[in-house]
Amino acid sequence: METRCTQDNPKTIWQLFCYVKGVAICLKHLNELQIVHRDIKPQNICFNAKNQQTFLIDFDLATWENSID
């Protein structure tokens, strides 16, 4: 599998906090847009330890909340 982003592992408690908070913010934003990611896993979460930013990737299985059967 090709690497789509630089994935740093949180190395300190502060970085772990930023990582988890970033995932929560991403999911909240998707919820507000009524988008369901449907493939949340560590491989689809990118964390940049340098600036404590978290990104979700791989939206291949994502769908609009209203179109879920």
Protein backbone atom coordinates (compact mmCIF):
# COMPACT_ATOMS: atom_id res chain seq x y z
CA MET A 1 0.00 0.00 0.00
CA GLU A 2 1.35 3.40 -0.90
CA THR A 3 1.83 6.08 1.75
CA ARG A 4 -0.57 8.95 1.16
CA CYS A 5 0.62 11.19 3.95
CA THR A 6 3.31 11.44 6.55
CA GLN A 7 2.08 9.56 9.56
CA ASP A 8 3.78 10.37 12.83
CA ASN A 9 2.94 8.40 15.93
CA PRO A 10 2.17 10.49 19.02
CA LYS A 11 5.25 10.29 21.24
CA THR A 12 4.17 12.35 24.24
CA ILE A 13 0.99 12.62 26.26
CA TRP A 14 0.42 16.07 24.72
CA GLN A 15 0.75 14.71 21.18
CA LEU A 16 -1.62 11.86 22.05
CA PHE A 17 -4.13 14.39 23.37
CA CYS A 18 -3.82 16.44 20.14
CA TYR A 19 -4.21 13.26 18.06
CA VAL A 20 -7.40 12.14 19.82
CA LYS A 21 -8.80 15.68 19.89
CA GLY A 22 -8.05 16.04 16.17
CA VAL A 23 -9.91 12.82 15.34
CA ALA A 24 -12.89 14.01 17.40
CA ILE A 25 -12.91 17.38 15.61
CA CYS A 26 -12.74 15.65 12.20
CA LEU A 27 -15.65 13.36 13.08
CA LYS A 28 -17.69 16.27 14.46
CA HIS A 29 -17.14 18.23 11.26
CA LEU A 30 -18.15 15.24 9.12
CA ASN A 31 -21.25 14.80 11.27
CA GLU A 32 -22.20 18.45 10.75
CA LEU A 33 -21.89 17.90 6.99
CA GLN A 34 -23.92 14.66 7.32
CA ILE A 35 -21.07 12.58 5.91
CA VAL A 36 -20.39 9.07 7.21
CA HIS A 37 -16.75 8.01 6.68
CA ARG A 38 -17.39 4.24 7.22
CA ASP A 39 -13.70 3.28 7.34
CA ILE A 40 -12.18 4.86 10.44
CA LYS A 41 -8.99 3.00 11.36
CA PRO A 42 -5.44 4.00 12.27
CA GLN A 43 -4.26 3.69 8.67
CA ASN A 44 -6.77 6.36 7.62
CA ILE A 45 -5.71 8.89 10.26
CA CYS A 46 -2.72 11.10 9.55
CA PHE A 47 -1.08 13.01 12.37
CA ASN A 48 1.61 15.61 11.88
CA ALA A 49 3.51 15.79 15.17
CA LYS A 50 5.30 18.97 14.13
CA ASN A 51 2.12 21.09 14.07
CA GLN A 52 -0.25 18.69 15.91
CA GLN A 53 -2.68 18.48 12.98
CA THR A 54 -4.84 15.44 12.36
CA PHE A 55 -6.40 14.50 9.02
CA LEU A 56 -8.78 11.77 7.94
CA ILE A 57 -8.08 10.20 4.57
CA ASP A 58 -9.58 7.52 2.31
CA PHE A 59 -13.16 8.56 1.74
CA ASP A 60 -13.82 5.74 -0.77
CA LEU A 61 -16.55 4.23 1.42
CA ALA A 62 -17.97 7.55 2.62
CA THR A 63 -21.60 8.33 2.01
CA TRP A 64 -24.15 11.02 2.81
CA GLU A 65 -26.03 10.30 6.02
CA ASN A 66 -29.40 10.45 4.22
CA SER A 67 -28.40 7.78 1.69
CA ILE A 68 -27.55 5.00 4.18
CA ASP A 69 -29.80 1.97 3.78
